[in-house]
N, C-alpha and C. Protein backbone atom coordinates (compact mmCIF):
# COMPACT_ATOMS: atom_id res chain seq x y z
N MET A 1 0.36 17.25 9.97
CA MET A 1 1.35 17.54 8.93
C MET A 1 0.75 17.38 7.55
N PHE A 2 0.17 16.23 7.27
CA PHE A 2 -0.30 15.94 5.93
C PHE A 2 -1.49 16.81 5.55
N ASN A 3 -2.33 17.16 6.52
CA ASN A 3 -3.52 17.95 6.23
C ASN A 3 -3.17 19.33 5.68
N LYS A 4 -1.98 19.82 5.91
CA LYS A 4 -1.58 21.16 5.48
C LYS A 4 -1.05 21.17 4.05
N MET A 5 -0.92 20.02 3.45
CA MET A 5 -0.34 19.96 2.13
C MET A 5 -1.34 20.38 1.06
N ASN A 6 -0.84 20.99 0.02
CA ASN A 6 -1.66 21.36 -1.13
C ASN A 6 -1.68 20.17 -2.07
N THR A 7 -2.68 19.33 -1.97
CA THR A 7 -2.69 18.07 -2.69
C THR A 7 -4.08 17.72 -3.17
N LYS A 8 -4.14 16.86 -4.15
CA LYS A 8 -5.42 16.38 -4.68
C LYS A 8 -5.80 15.04 -4.07
N ILE A 9 -5.25 14.72 -2.93
CA ILE A 9 -5.55 13.44 -2.31
C ILE A 9 -7.04 13.34 -1.99
N PHE A 10 -7.59 12.16 -2.23
CA PHE A 10 -8.99 11.90 -1.93
C PHE A 10 -9.12 10.88 -0.80
N PHE A 11 -8.35 9.78 -0.90
CA PHE A 11 -8.35 8.75 0.14
C PHE A 11 -7.06 8.87 0.96
N ARG A 12 -7.18 9.36 2.17
CA ARG A 12 -6.00 9.55 3.02
C ARG A 12 -5.45 8.21 3.50
N PRO A 13 -4.14 8.12 3.71
CA PRO A 13 -3.55 6.85 4.12
C PRO A 13 -3.87 6.48 5.55
N PHE A 14 -3.85 5.18 5.82
CA PHE A 14 -3.85 4.69 7.19
C PHE A 14 -2.41 4.69 7.66
N VAL A 15 -2.13 5.37 8.75
CA VAL A 15 -0.77 5.45 9.30
C VAL A 15 -0.78 4.82 10.68
N GLY A 16 -0.10 3.70 10.83
CA GLY A 16 -0.05 3.01 12.11
C GLY A 16 0.59 3.87 13.19
N ASP A 17 0.18 3.64 14.42
CA ASP A 17 0.68 4.44 15.53
C ASP A 17 2.20 4.35 15.68
N SER A 18 2.78 3.22 15.27
CA SER A 18 4.22 3.01 15.44
C SER A 18 4.99 3.18 14.14
N TYR A 19 4.33 3.66 13.08
CA TYR A 19 4.99 3.74 11.78
C TYR A 19 6.24 4.60 11.82
N GLN A 20 6.17 5.78 12.42
CA GLN A 20 7.29 6.71 12.36
C GLN A 20 8.56 6.15 12.99
N ASN A 21 8.42 5.32 14.03
CA ASN A 21 9.62 4.75 14.66
C ASN A 21 9.94 3.35 14.15
N GLY A 22 9.24 2.92 13.10
CA GLY A 22 9.56 1.62 12.50
C GLY A 22 8.80 0.46 13.07
N GLY A 23 8.09 0.66 14.17
CA GLY A 23 7.29 -0.43 14.74
C GLY A 23 8.09 -1.69 15.00
N ILE A 24 7.44 -2.83 14.84
CA ILE A 24 8.10 -4.11 15.16
C ILE A 24 9.12 -4.51 14.09
N PHE A 25 9.09 -3.85 12.93
CA PHE A 25 10.03 -4.21 11.87
C PHE A 25 11.29 -3.35 11.89
N GLY A 26 11.25 -2.24 12.63
CA GLY A 26 12.41 -1.37 12.72
C GLY A 26 12.66 -0.56 11.46
N LYS A 27 11.66 -0.55 10.54
CA LYS A 27 11.78 0.17 9.27
C LYS A 27 10.45 0.82 8.96
N ARG A 28 10.48 1.94 8.27
CA ARG A 28 9.24 2.58 7.83
C ARG A 28 8.79 1.91 6.53
N ILE A 29 7.72 1.13 6.63
CA ILE A 29 7.23 0.34 5.51
C ILE A 29 5.88 0.88 5.05
N MET A 30 5.80 1.20 3.77
CA MET A 30 4.54 1.62 3.16
C MET A 30 4.01 0.47 2.31
N VAL A 31 2.75 0.13 2.50
CA VAL A 31 2.08 -0.89 1.69
C VAL A 31 1.17 -0.16 0.71
N LEU A 32 1.34 -0.42 -0.57
CA LEU A 32 0.63 0.33 -1.60
C LEU A 32 -0.36 -0.56 -2.33
N GLY A 33 -1.66 -0.34 -2.02
CA GLY A 33 -2.71 -1.01 -2.76
C GLY A 33 -3.05 -0.23 -4.02
N GLU A 34 -3.91 -0.81 -4.85
CA GLU A 34 -4.23 -0.17 -6.12
C GLU A 34 -5.44 0.75 -6.02
N SER A 35 -6.56 0.24 -5.49
CA SER A 35 -7.78 1.04 -5.51
C SER A 35 -8.79 0.52 -4.50
N HIS A 36 -9.76 1.35 -4.20
CA HIS A 36 -10.92 0.95 -3.43
C HIS A 36 -12.03 0.52 -4.37
N TYR A 37 -12.89 -0.35 -3.86
CA TYR A 37 -14.11 -0.70 -4.57
C TYR A 37 -15.28 -0.05 -3.85
N CYS A 38 -16.16 0.58 -4.60
CA CYS A 38 -17.35 1.21 -4.03
C CYS A 38 -18.50 1.03 -5.01
N GLY A 39 -19.61 0.53 -4.53
CA GLY A 39 -20.75 0.27 -5.40
C GLY A 39 -21.65 1.45 -5.64
N ASP A 40 -21.32 2.62 -5.10
CA ASP A 40 -22.20 3.78 -5.24
C ASP A 40 -22.16 4.39 -6.64
N GLU A 41 -21.07 4.17 -7.36
CA GLU A 41 -20.92 4.64 -8.74
C GLU A 41 -21.15 6.15 -8.86
N CYS A 42 -20.55 6.91 -7.96
CA CYS A 42 -20.67 8.37 -8.02
C CYS A 42 -19.97 8.89 -9.26
N HIS A 43 -20.63 9.71 -10.03
CA HIS A 43 -20.02 10.24 -11.25
C HIS A 43 -18.93 11.25 -10.94
N ASP A 44 -18.93 11.78 -9.70
CA ASP A 44 -17.92 12.76 -9.31
C ASP A 44 -17.01 12.22 -8.21
N CYS A 45 -16.82 10.90 -8.19
CA CYS A 45 -15.89 10.30 -7.23
C CYS A 45 -14.50 10.90 -7.43
N GLY A 46 -13.83 11.16 -6.35
CA GLY A 46 -12.49 11.73 -6.41
C GLY A 46 -12.44 13.22 -6.20
N VAL A 47 -13.61 13.86 -6.14
CA VAL A 47 -13.66 15.30 -5.89
C VAL A 47 -13.86 15.50 -4.39
N ALA A 48 -12.79 15.84 -3.70
CA ALA A 48 -12.81 15.89 -2.24
C ALA A 48 -13.81 16.91 -1.72
N ALA A 49 -13.96 18.03 -2.42
CA ALA A 49 -14.87 19.08 -1.95
C ALA A 49 -16.32 18.61 -1.95
N LEU A 50 -16.66 17.65 -2.84
CA LEU A 50 -18.03 17.16 -2.93
C LEU A 50 -18.27 15.93 -2.07
N HIS A 51 -17.20 15.22 -1.72
CA HIS A 51 -17.33 14.00 -0.93
C HIS A 51 -16.31 13.97 0.21
N PRO A 52 -16.35 14.93 1.11
CA PRO A 52 -15.38 14.95 2.22
C PRO A 52 -15.51 13.73 3.13
N GLU A 53 -16.69 13.10 3.12
CA GLU A 53 -16.90 11.93 3.98
C GLU A 53 -16.08 10.73 3.53
N CYS A 54 -15.55 10.77 2.32
CA CYS A 54 -14.78 9.65 1.79
C CYS A 54 -13.29 9.71 2.14
N ALA A 55 -12.85 10.81 2.71
CA ALA A 55 -11.43 10.98 2.99
C ALA A 55 -10.87 9.87 3.87
N GLY A 56 -11.68 9.38 4.81
CA GLY A 56 -11.22 8.36 5.74
C GLY A 56 -11.52 6.94 5.32
N PHE A 57 -11.85 6.73 4.03
CA PHE A 57 -12.25 5.40 3.55
C PHE A 57 -11.16 4.37 3.83
N THR A 58 -9.92 4.65 3.45
CA THR A 58 -8.82 3.71 3.66
C THR A 58 -8.63 3.42 5.13
N GLN A 59 -8.65 4.44 5.94
CA GLN A 59 -8.47 4.27 7.38
C GLN A 59 -9.60 3.43 7.97
N MET A 60 -10.82 3.65 7.50
CA MET A 60 -11.97 2.90 7.99
C MET A 60 -11.85 1.41 7.65
N VAL A 61 -11.38 1.11 6.44
CA VAL A 61 -11.25 -0.28 6.02
C VAL A 61 -10.25 -1.02 6.91
N VAL A 62 -9.10 -0.42 7.14
CA VAL A 62 -8.08 -1.09 7.97
C VAL A 62 -8.57 -1.24 9.40
N ARG A 63 -9.19 -0.20 9.93
CA ARG A 63 -9.68 -0.27 11.31
C ARG A 63 -10.79 -1.30 11.46
N LYS A 64 -11.62 -1.44 10.44
CA LYS A 64 -12.66 -2.47 10.48
C LYS A 64 -12.02 -3.85 10.52
N TYR A 65 -10.97 -4.04 9.74
CA TYR A 65 -10.27 -5.32 9.74
C TYR A 65 -9.66 -5.60 11.11
N LEU A 66 -9.12 -4.59 11.76
CA LEU A 66 -8.43 -4.78 13.04
C LEU A 66 -9.39 -4.92 14.22
N ASP A 67 -10.64 -4.58 14.03
CA ASP A 67 -11.63 -4.67 15.11
C ASP A 67 -12.19 -6.09 15.16
N ASP A 68 -11.74 -6.88 16.13
CA ASP A 68 -12.13 -8.29 16.17
C ASP A 68 -13.58 -8.50 16.61
N SER A 69 -14.29 -7.42 16.90
CA SER A 69 -15.72 -7.55 17.20
C SER A 69 -16.54 -7.64 15.91
N ASN A 70 -15.92 -7.34 14.77
CA ASN A 70 -16.62 -7.44 13.49
C ASN A 70 -16.62 -8.88 12.98
N ALA A 71 -17.70 -9.26 12.35
CA ALA A 71 -17.77 -10.59 11.75
C ALA A 71 -16.78 -10.68 10.59
N HIS A 72 -16.21 -11.86 10.40
CA HIS A 72 -15.25 -12.04 9.32
C HIS A 72 -15.94 -11.92 7.97
N GLU A 73 -15.30 -11.18 7.05
CA GLU A 73 -15.78 -11.06 5.68
C GLU A 73 -14.68 -11.52 4.74
N ASP A 74 -15.06 -11.99 3.56
CA ASP A 74 -14.09 -12.59 2.64
C ASP A 74 -12.94 -11.65 2.30
N TRP A 75 -13.21 -10.35 2.16
CA TRP A 75 -12.16 -9.41 1.76
C TRP A 75 -11.04 -9.33 2.78
N MET A 76 -11.36 -9.71 4.02
CA MET A 76 -10.35 -9.64 5.09
C MET A 76 -9.24 -10.65 4.89
N ASN A 77 -9.49 -11.70 4.11
CA ASN A 77 -8.45 -12.69 3.85
C ASN A 77 -7.25 -12.08 3.14
N THR A 78 -7.50 -11.05 2.32
CA THR A 78 -6.40 -10.36 1.64
C THR A 78 -5.43 -9.76 2.64
N TYR A 79 -5.95 -9.11 3.64
CA TYR A 79 -5.13 -8.46 4.66
C TYR A 79 -4.44 -9.50 5.54
N LYS A 80 -5.15 -10.58 5.83
CA LYS A 80 -4.57 -11.63 6.68
C LYS A 80 -3.39 -12.30 5.98
N LYS A 81 -3.55 -12.64 4.70
CA LYS A 81 -2.46 -13.30 3.99
C LYS A 81 -1.24 -12.38 3.88
N PHE A 82 -1.50 -11.10 3.64
CA PHE A 82 -0.35 -10.19 3.52
C PHE A 82 0.37 -10.04 4.86
N GLU A 83 -0.36 -9.88 5.95
CA GLU A 83 0.31 -9.71 7.24
C GLU A 83 1.15 -10.94 7.58
N ARG A 84 0.67 -12.11 7.17
CA ARG A 84 1.44 -13.33 7.43
C ARG A 84 2.70 -13.37 6.59
N SER A 85 2.67 -12.78 5.40
CA SER A 85 3.89 -12.72 4.60
C SER A 85 4.89 -11.74 5.18
N LEU A 86 4.45 -10.81 6.00
CA LEU A 86 5.38 -9.95 6.74
C LEU A 86 5.94 -10.68 7.96
N ALA A 87 5.06 -11.38 8.67
CA ALA A 87 5.47 -12.04 9.92
C ALA A 87 6.22 -13.34 9.68
N GLY A 88 5.85 -14.05 8.62
CA GLY A 88 6.47 -15.35 8.34
C GLY A 88 5.83 -16.51 9.05
N HIS A 89 4.65 -16.28 9.62
CA HIS A 89 3.91 -17.36 10.30
C HIS A 89 2.45 -16.95 10.44
N GLU A 90 1.60 -17.90 10.82
CA GLU A 90 0.20 -17.58 11.05
C GLU A 90 0.11 -16.62 12.24
N THR A 91 -0.67 -15.59 12.07
CA THR A 91 -0.72 -14.51 13.05
C THR A 91 -1.94 -14.61 13.94
N ASN A 92 -1.78 -14.12 15.17
CA ASN A 92 -2.92 -14.04 16.09
C ASN A 92 -3.40 -12.59 16.16
N LEU A 93 -4.42 -12.35 16.95
CA LEU A 93 -5.02 -11.01 17.00
C LEU A 93 -4.04 -9.96 17.50
N ALA A 94 -3.24 -10.31 18.51
CA ALA A 94 -2.28 -9.34 19.05
C ALA A 94 -1.22 -8.99 18.02
N GLU A 95 -0.73 -9.99 17.30
CA GLU A 95 0.28 -9.74 16.27
C GLU A 95 -0.31 -8.91 15.13
N ARG A 96 -1.56 -9.18 14.79
CA ARG A 96 -2.23 -8.41 13.74
C ARG A 96 -2.21 -6.93 14.06
N GLN A 97 -2.55 -6.60 15.29
CA GLN A 97 -2.54 -5.20 15.71
C GLN A 97 -1.14 -4.61 15.60
N GLN A 98 -0.15 -5.35 16.09
CA GLN A 98 1.23 -4.85 16.05
C GLN A 98 1.70 -4.60 14.63
N ILE A 99 1.39 -5.52 13.73
CA ILE A 99 1.85 -5.41 12.35
C ILE A 99 1.25 -4.18 11.67
N TRP A 100 -0.07 -4.04 11.73
CA TRP A 100 -0.70 -2.94 11.01
C TRP A 100 -0.45 -1.59 11.66
N GLN A 101 -0.20 -1.58 12.96
CA GLN A 101 0.16 -0.33 13.60
C GLN A 101 1.61 0.05 13.33
N SER A 102 2.35 -0.83 12.66
CA SER A 102 3.75 -0.55 12.33
C SER A 102 3.95 -0.02 10.91
N ILE A 103 2.89 -0.05 10.10
CA ILE A 103 3.06 0.29 8.70
C ILE A 103 2.11 1.40 8.26
N LEU A 104 2.33 1.88 7.05
CA LEU A 104 1.43 2.84 6.40
C LEU A 104 0.79 2.13 5.22
N PHE A 105 -0.53 2.25 5.10
CA PHE A 105 -1.25 1.65 3.98
C PHE A 105 -1.94 2.74 3.18
N PHE A 106 -1.75 2.69 1.86
CA PHE A 106 -2.28 3.73 0.99
C PHE A 106 -2.72 3.10 -0.33
N ASN A 107 -3.85 3.53 -0.86
CA ASN A 107 -4.29 3.10 -2.17
C ASN A 107 -3.92 4.14 -3.22
N TYR A 108 -3.31 3.68 -4.30
CA TYR A 108 -2.74 4.58 -5.31
C TYR A 108 -3.80 5.40 -6.05
N LEU A 109 -4.80 4.75 -6.60
CA LEU A 109 -5.81 5.48 -7.36
C LEU A 109 -6.70 6.30 -6.44
N GLN A 110 -6.97 7.51 -6.86
CA GLN A 110 -7.76 8.42 -6.02
C GLN A 110 -9.22 8.51 -6.46
N VAL A 111 -9.68 7.47 -7.14
CA VAL A 111 -11.09 7.26 -7.43
C VAL A 111 -11.39 5.80 -7.15
N ALA A 112 -12.61 5.51 -6.71
CA ALA A 112 -13.00 4.14 -6.42
C ALA A 112 -13.45 3.43 -7.71
N MET A 113 -13.22 2.13 -7.76
CA MET A 113 -13.67 1.32 -8.87
C MET A 113 -15.08 0.79 -8.59
N ASP A 114 -15.80 0.47 -9.67
CA ASP A 114 -17.16 -0.05 -9.53
C ASP A 114 -17.19 -1.56 -9.39
N ASP A 115 -16.04 -2.21 -9.62
CA ASP A 115 -15.96 -3.67 -9.52
C ASP A 115 -14.63 -4.03 -8.88
N THR A 116 -14.59 -5.15 -8.18
CA THR A 116 -13.40 -5.52 -7.41
C THR A 116 -12.19 -5.82 -8.29
N ARG A 117 -12.37 -6.26 -9.52
CA ARG A 117 -11.24 -6.60 -10.40
C ARG A 117 -10.98 -5.53 -11.45
N GLN A 118 -11.64 -4.41 -11.34
CA GLN A 118 -11.56 -3.38 -12.37
C GLN A 118 -10.25 -2.60 -12.29
N ALA A 119 -9.69 -2.30 -13.45
CA ALA A 119 -8.50 -1.45 -13.52
C ALA A 119 -8.92 -0.01 -13.75
N GLY A 120 -8.07 0.91 -13.34
CA GLY A 120 -8.33 2.31 -13.63
C GLY A 120 -7.97 2.64 -15.07
N THR A 121 -8.32 3.84 -15.49
CA THR A 121 -7.94 4.30 -16.83
C THR A 121 -6.52 4.85 -16.79
N ARG A 122 -5.95 5.00 -17.97
CA ARG A 122 -4.60 5.58 -18.06
C ARG A 122 -4.55 6.96 -17.42
N GLU A 123 -5.62 7.73 -17.63
CA GLU A 123 -5.69 9.07 -17.08
C GLU A 123 -5.76 9.04 -15.54
N GLN A 124 -6.45 8.05 -14.98
CA GLN A 124 -6.56 7.95 -13.53
C GLN A 124 -5.22 7.57 -12.88
N TYR A 125 -4.47 6.68 -13.53
CA TYR A 125 -3.14 6.35 -13.00
C TYR A 125 -2.21 7.56 -13.09
N GLU A 126 -2.30 8.27 -14.19
CA GLU A 126 -1.44 9.45 -14.38
C GLU A 126 -1.79 10.53 -13.35
N ALA A 127 -3.10 10.72 -13.11
CA ALA A 127 -3.54 11.74 -12.16
C ALA A 127 -3.11 11.42 -10.74
N ALA A 128 -2.93 10.13 -10.44
CA ALA A 128 -2.56 9.72 -9.08
C ALA A 128 -1.08 9.89 -8.79
N LYS A 129 -0.28 10.12 -9.82
CA LYS A 129 1.18 10.16 -9.64
C LYS A 129 1.61 11.23 -8.65
N GLN A 130 1.10 12.43 -8.80
CA GLN A 130 1.53 13.52 -7.94
C GLN A 130 1.11 13.29 -6.49
N VAL A 131 -0.07 12.71 -6.30
CA VAL A 131 -0.51 12.38 -4.94
C VAL A 131 0.42 11.35 -4.32
N PHE A 132 0.78 10.33 -5.08
CA PHE A 132 1.72 9.31 -4.61
C PHE A 132 3.03 9.95 -4.17
N TYR A 133 3.55 10.85 -4.99
CA TYR A 133 4.80 11.51 -4.63
C TYR A 133 4.65 12.36 -3.37
N GLU A 134 3.54 13.03 -3.23
CA GLU A 134 3.34 13.85 -2.04
C GLU A 134 3.25 12.98 -0.78
N VAL A 135 2.64 11.81 -0.91
CA VAL A 135 2.55 10.91 0.25
C VAL A 135 3.94 10.41 0.65
N ILE A 136 4.74 9.96 -0.32
CA ILE A 136 6.05 9.42 0.07
C ILE A 136 6.98 10.55 0.53
N ASP A 137 6.83 11.74 -0.04
CA ASP A 137 7.66 12.85 0.43
C ASP A 137 7.27 13.26 1.85
N SER A 138 5.99 13.13 2.18
CA SER A 138 5.52 13.51 3.51
C SER A 138 5.90 12.47 4.57
N TYR A 139 5.69 11.19 4.24
CA TYR A 139 5.86 10.14 5.26
C TYR A 139 7.19 9.39 5.16
N LYS A 140 7.95 9.64 4.11
CA LYS A 140 9.33 9.15 3.97
C LYS A 140 9.49 7.65 4.25
N PRO A 141 8.75 6.81 3.56
CA PRO A 141 8.97 5.36 3.75
C PRO A 141 10.37 4.97 3.29
N GLN A 142 10.92 3.98 3.98
CA GLN A 142 12.20 3.43 3.54
C GLN A 142 11.98 2.31 2.53
N TYR A 143 10.84 1.63 2.67
CA TYR A 143 10.49 0.51 1.80
C TYR A 143 9.02 0.62 1.42
N ILE A 144 8.71 0.31 0.17
CA ILE A 144 7.33 0.28 -0.32
C ILE A 144 7.07 -1.09 -0.92
N ILE A 145 5.98 -1.72 -0.48
CA ILE A 145 5.58 -3.03 -1.01
C ILE A 145 4.27 -2.84 -1.75
N VAL A 146 4.29 -3.12 -3.05
CA VAL A 146 3.15 -2.89 -3.93
C VAL A 146 2.31 -4.16 -4.05
N TRP A 147 0.99 -4.00 -4.00
CA TRP A 147 0.08 -5.12 -4.18
C TRP A 147 -0.28 -5.26 -5.66
N GLY A 148 0.31 -6.24 -6.32
CA GLY A 148 -0.09 -6.59 -7.68
C GLY A 148 0.80 -6.07 -8.78
N LYS A 149 0.97 -6.90 -9.82
CA LYS A 149 1.81 -6.53 -10.96
C LYS A 149 1.17 -5.43 -11.81
N ARG A 150 -0.17 -5.42 -11.86
CA ARG A 150 -0.83 -4.39 -12.67
C ARG A 150 -0.50 -3.00 -12.16
N LEU A 151 -0.57 -2.83 -10.86
CA LEU A 151 -0.21 -1.53 -10.30
C LEU A 151 1.28 -1.26 -10.49
N TRP A 152 2.10 -2.25 -10.24
CA TRP A 152 3.55 -2.11 -10.40
C TRP A 152 3.89 -1.57 -11.79
N GLU A 153 3.24 -2.11 -12.81
CA GLU A 153 3.53 -1.70 -14.18
C GLU A 153 2.93 -0.35 -14.54
N SER A 154 2.06 0.18 -13.65
CA SER A 154 1.43 1.48 -13.90
C SER A 154 2.06 2.61 -13.10
N LEU A 155 3.05 2.29 -12.27
CA LEU A 155 3.69 3.31 -11.45
C LEU A 155 4.60 4.19 -12.31
N PRO A 156 4.83 5.43 -11.88
CA PRO A 156 5.65 6.33 -12.69
C PRO A 156 7.09 5.85 -12.85
N GLY A 157 7.61 6.04 -14.04
CA GLY A 157 8.99 5.66 -14.33
C GLY A 157 9.79 6.85 -14.79
N ASP A 158 9.58 7.98 -14.15
CA ASP A 158 10.21 9.24 -14.56
C ASP A 158 11.58 9.40 -13.89
N ALA A 159 12.04 10.64 -13.80
CA ALA A 159 13.38 10.92 -13.31
C ALA A 159 13.58 10.54 -11.85
N ARG A 160 12.50 10.38 -11.08
CA ARG A 160 12.65 10.01 -9.67
C ARG A 160 12.90 8.52 -9.49
N TRP A 161 12.70 7.74 -10.53
CA TRP A 161 12.84 6.29 -10.47
C TRP A 161 14.27 5.85 -10.71
N GLN A 162 14.65 4.75 -10.05
CA GLN A 162 15.96 4.12 -10.28
C GLN A 162 15.81 2.62 -10.12
N ASP A 163 16.34 1.85 -11.05
CA ASP A 163 16.31 0.40 -10.93
C ASP A 163 17.10 -0.05 -9.71
N GLY A 164 16.65 -1.16 -9.09
CA GLY A 164 17.34 -1.69 -7.93
C GLY A 164 17.83 -3.10 -8.15
N ALA A 165 18.50 -3.64 -7.15
CA ALA A 165 19.01 -5.01 -7.23
C ALA A 165 17.85 -5.99 -7.12
N PRO A 166 17.75 -6.96 -8.02
CA PRO A 166 16.64 -7.92 -7.96
C PRO A 166 16.76 -8.83 -6.75
N VAL A 167 15.61 -9.33 -6.30
CA VAL A 167 15.55 -10.31 -5.23
C VAL A 167 15.41 -11.69 -5.87
N ARG A 168 16.23 -12.64 -5.44
CA ARG A 168 16.20 -14.00 -6.00
C ARG A 168 15.84 -14.99 -4.91
N VAL A 169 14.71 -15.69 -5.11
CA VAL A 169 14.22 -16.67 -4.15
C VAL A 169 13.67 -17.88 -4.91
N ASN A 170 14.13 -19.04 -4.56
CA ASN A 170 13.66 -20.30 -5.15
C ASN A 170 13.74 -20.29 -6.68
N GLY A 171 14.77 -19.67 -7.21
CA GLY A 171 14.96 -19.62 -8.65
C GLY A 171 14.16 -18.54 -9.34
N ASN A 172 13.35 -17.80 -8.61
CA ASN A 172 12.57 -16.71 -9.18
C ASN A 172 13.28 -15.38 -8.95
N VAL A 173 13.08 -14.47 -9.88
CA VAL A 173 13.69 -13.14 -9.80
C VAL A 173 12.59 -12.09 -9.68
N VAL A 174 12.66 -11.29 -8.63
CA VAL A 174 11.67 -10.23 -8.40
C VAL A 174 12.37 -8.89 -8.54
N SER A 175 11.85 -8.05 -9.43
CA SER A 175 12.47 -6.75 -9.69
C SER A 175 12.23 -5.79 -8.53
N THR A 176 13.16 -4.89 -8.33
CA THR A 176 13.01 -3.83 -7.33
C THR A 176 13.48 -2.52 -7.95
N GLY A 177 13.18 -1.45 -7.27
CA GLY A 177 13.64 -0.14 -7.68
C GLY A 177 13.60 0.81 -6.51
N SER A 178 13.66 2.09 -6.77
CA SER A 178 13.53 3.07 -5.70
C SER A 178 13.09 4.40 -6.29
N TYR A 179 12.48 5.22 -5.43
CA TYR A 179 12.08 6.58 -5.81
C TYR A 179 12.84 7.58 -4.94
N ALA A 180 13.31 8.63 -5.58
CA ALA A 180 13.96 9.71 -4.84
C ALA A 180 12.92 10.45 -4.02
N LEU A 181 13.29 10.81 -2.80
CA LEU A 181 12.44 11.60 -1.92
C LEU A 181 12.90 13.05 -1.97
N SER A 182 11.96 13.97 -1.81
CA SER A 182 12.29 15.39 -1.94
C SER A 182 13.25 15.85 -0.85
N SER A 183 13.26 15.15 0.29
CA SER A 183 14.12 15.52 1.40
C SER A 183 15.50 14.87 1.32
N GLY A 184 15.71 14.08 0.28
CA GLY A 184 16.95 13.33 0.15
C GLY A 184 16.72 11.87 0.48
N GLY A 185 17.61 11.01 0.02
CA GLY A 185 17.42 9.60 0.25
C GLY A 185 16.44 9.01 -0.75
N ARG A 186 16.20 7.71 -0.64
CA ARG A 186 15.35 7.01 -1.58
C ARG A 186 14.44 6.03 -0.83
N ALA A 187 13.29 5.78 -1.42
CA ALA A 187 12.36 4.77 -0.91
C ALA A 187 12.46 3.55 -1.83
N LYS A 188 12.94 2.43 -1.31
CA LYS A 188 13.04 1.21 -2.11
C LYS A 188 11.65 0.62 -2.31
N ILE A 189 11.44 -0.01 -3.47
CA ILE A 189 10.11 -0.50 -3.80
C ILE A 189 10.17 -1.82 -4.56
N MET A 190 9.22 -2.69 -4.29
CA MET A 190 9.06 -3.95 -5.02
C MET A 190 7.58 -4.32 -4.98
N ALA A 191 7.19 -5.30 -5.79
CA ALA A 191 5.80 -5.73 -5.85
C ALA A 191 5.68 -7.21 -5.50
N VAL A 192 4.59 -7.54 -4.81
CA VAL A 192 4.19 -8.92 -4.58
C VAL A 192 2.97 -9.20 -5.44
N TYR A 193 2.63 -10.49 -5.61
CA TYR A 193 1.34 -10.78 -6.22
C TYR A 193 0.25 -10.19 -5.34
N HIS A 194 -0.87 -9.86 -5.95
CA HIS A 194 -1.94 -9.30 -5.12
C HIS A 194 -2.42 -10.36 -4.13
N PRO A 195 -2.49 -10.03 -2.85
CA PRO A 195 -2.82 -11.04 -1.83
C PRO A 195 -4.26 -11.56 -1.89
N SER A 196 -5.09 -11.03 -2.78
CA SER A 196 -6.49 -11.48 -2.83
C SER A 196 -6.62 -12.88 -3.42
N VAL A 197 -5.74 -13.24 -4.37
CA VAL A 197 -5.83 -14.56 -5.01
C VAL A 197 -4.43 -15.09 -5.30
N GLY A 198 -4.29 -16.42 -5.29
CA GLY A 198 -3.04 -17.05 -5.71
C GLY A 198 -1.81 -16.55 -4.98
N TYR A 199 -1.94 -16.35 -3.67
CA TYR A 199 -0.86 -15.72 -2.91
C TYR A 199 -0.34 -16.70 -1.86
N SER A 200 0.92 -17.08 -1.99
CA SER A 200 1.58 -17.93 -0.99
C SER A 200 2.33 -17.04 -0.02
N TRP A 201 1.79 -16.87 1.17
CA TRP A 201 2.46 -15.97 2.11
C TRP A 201 3.81 -16.53 2.55
N GLU A 202 3.95 -17.86 2.53
CA GLU A 202 5.24 -18.44 2.91
C GLU A 202 6.33 -18.03 1.92
N TYR A 203 6.02 -18.13 0.62
CA TYR A 203 6.99 -17.73 -0.40
C TYR A 203 7.27 -16.23 -0.34
N TRP A 204 6.22 -15.44 -0.27
CA TRP A 204 6.42 -13.99 -0.30
C TRP A 204 7.09 -13.48 0.96
N HIS A 205 6.98 -14.21 2.05
CA HIS A 205 7.75 -13.82 3.24
C HIS A 205 9.25 -13.88 2.94
N LYS A 206 9.68 -14.90 2.25
CA LYS A 206 11.09 -15.03 1.90
C LYS A 206 11.53 -13.85 1.01
N VAL A 207 10.69 -13.50 0.05
CA VAL A 207 11.02 -12.40 -0.85
C VAL A 207 11.08 -11.08 -0.08
N ILE A 208 10.03 -10.83 0.72
CA ILE A 208 9.96 -9.57 1.47
C ILE A 208 11.10 -9.47 2.46
N ASN A 209 11.41 -10.55 3.14
CA ASN A 209 12.51 -10.53 4.11
C ASN A 209 13.83 -10.21 3.43
N ASN A 210 14.04 -10.77 2.26
CA ASN A 210 15.24 -10.47 1.49
C ASN A 210 15.26 -9.00 1.10
N PHE A 211 14.14 -8.50 0.62
CA PHE A 211 14.02 -7.10 0.19
C PHE A 211 14.28 -6.14 1.35
N LEU A 212 13.70 -6.40 2.51
CA LEU A 212 13.84 -5.51 3.64
C LEU A 212 15.24 -5.52 4.24
N ASN A 213 16.06 -6.44 3.80
CA ASN A 213 17.43 -6.51 4.29
C ASN A 213 18.45 -6.11 3.22
N GLN A 214 17.95 -5.52 2.14
CA GLN A 214 18.88 -5.02 1.10
C GLN A 214 19.60 -3.76 1.61
């Protein structure tokens, strides 16, 4: 389905085998990261015709994480902490597979960064907007969970956006909203702190659980 779309997508999403039927959560959940890091520093990164081998980058990263024959690497802690904030407890290998096969994971920026903490340019965020819309129109998530406030503040706020009811947990207020889908209905969206640093999966589980039950 997605391959037939006329789109400028460069990094295709990872779509879990159980995503369409809601998997273990019973809901279509899209997890939205900000960007990939790549040390190759290609001056023409993002041009699919010149780098077709990069189309599966996102899918490769998630599959590498899920393959327990691979040695543990520090970046994997980001994925582990986030999955625990979905599950609400420390996860084992079987649960890890179930969780990631239940969701869709997509990185917003369609060019790789040269450093792990690097932000994209204003033009790169703007260029990614149409791809983001094509992905949500194609896969119709009911809920979108964004990794990081920087990305949250860079998402489009045009006519498809609508403010949502805030989530209140432990005296904190977390903003939510939604995007209109081309087929009708809306995809609700909120942001968590980026799971790479300073991330309490116990706290964010409470927030996410509240959000998914709105």
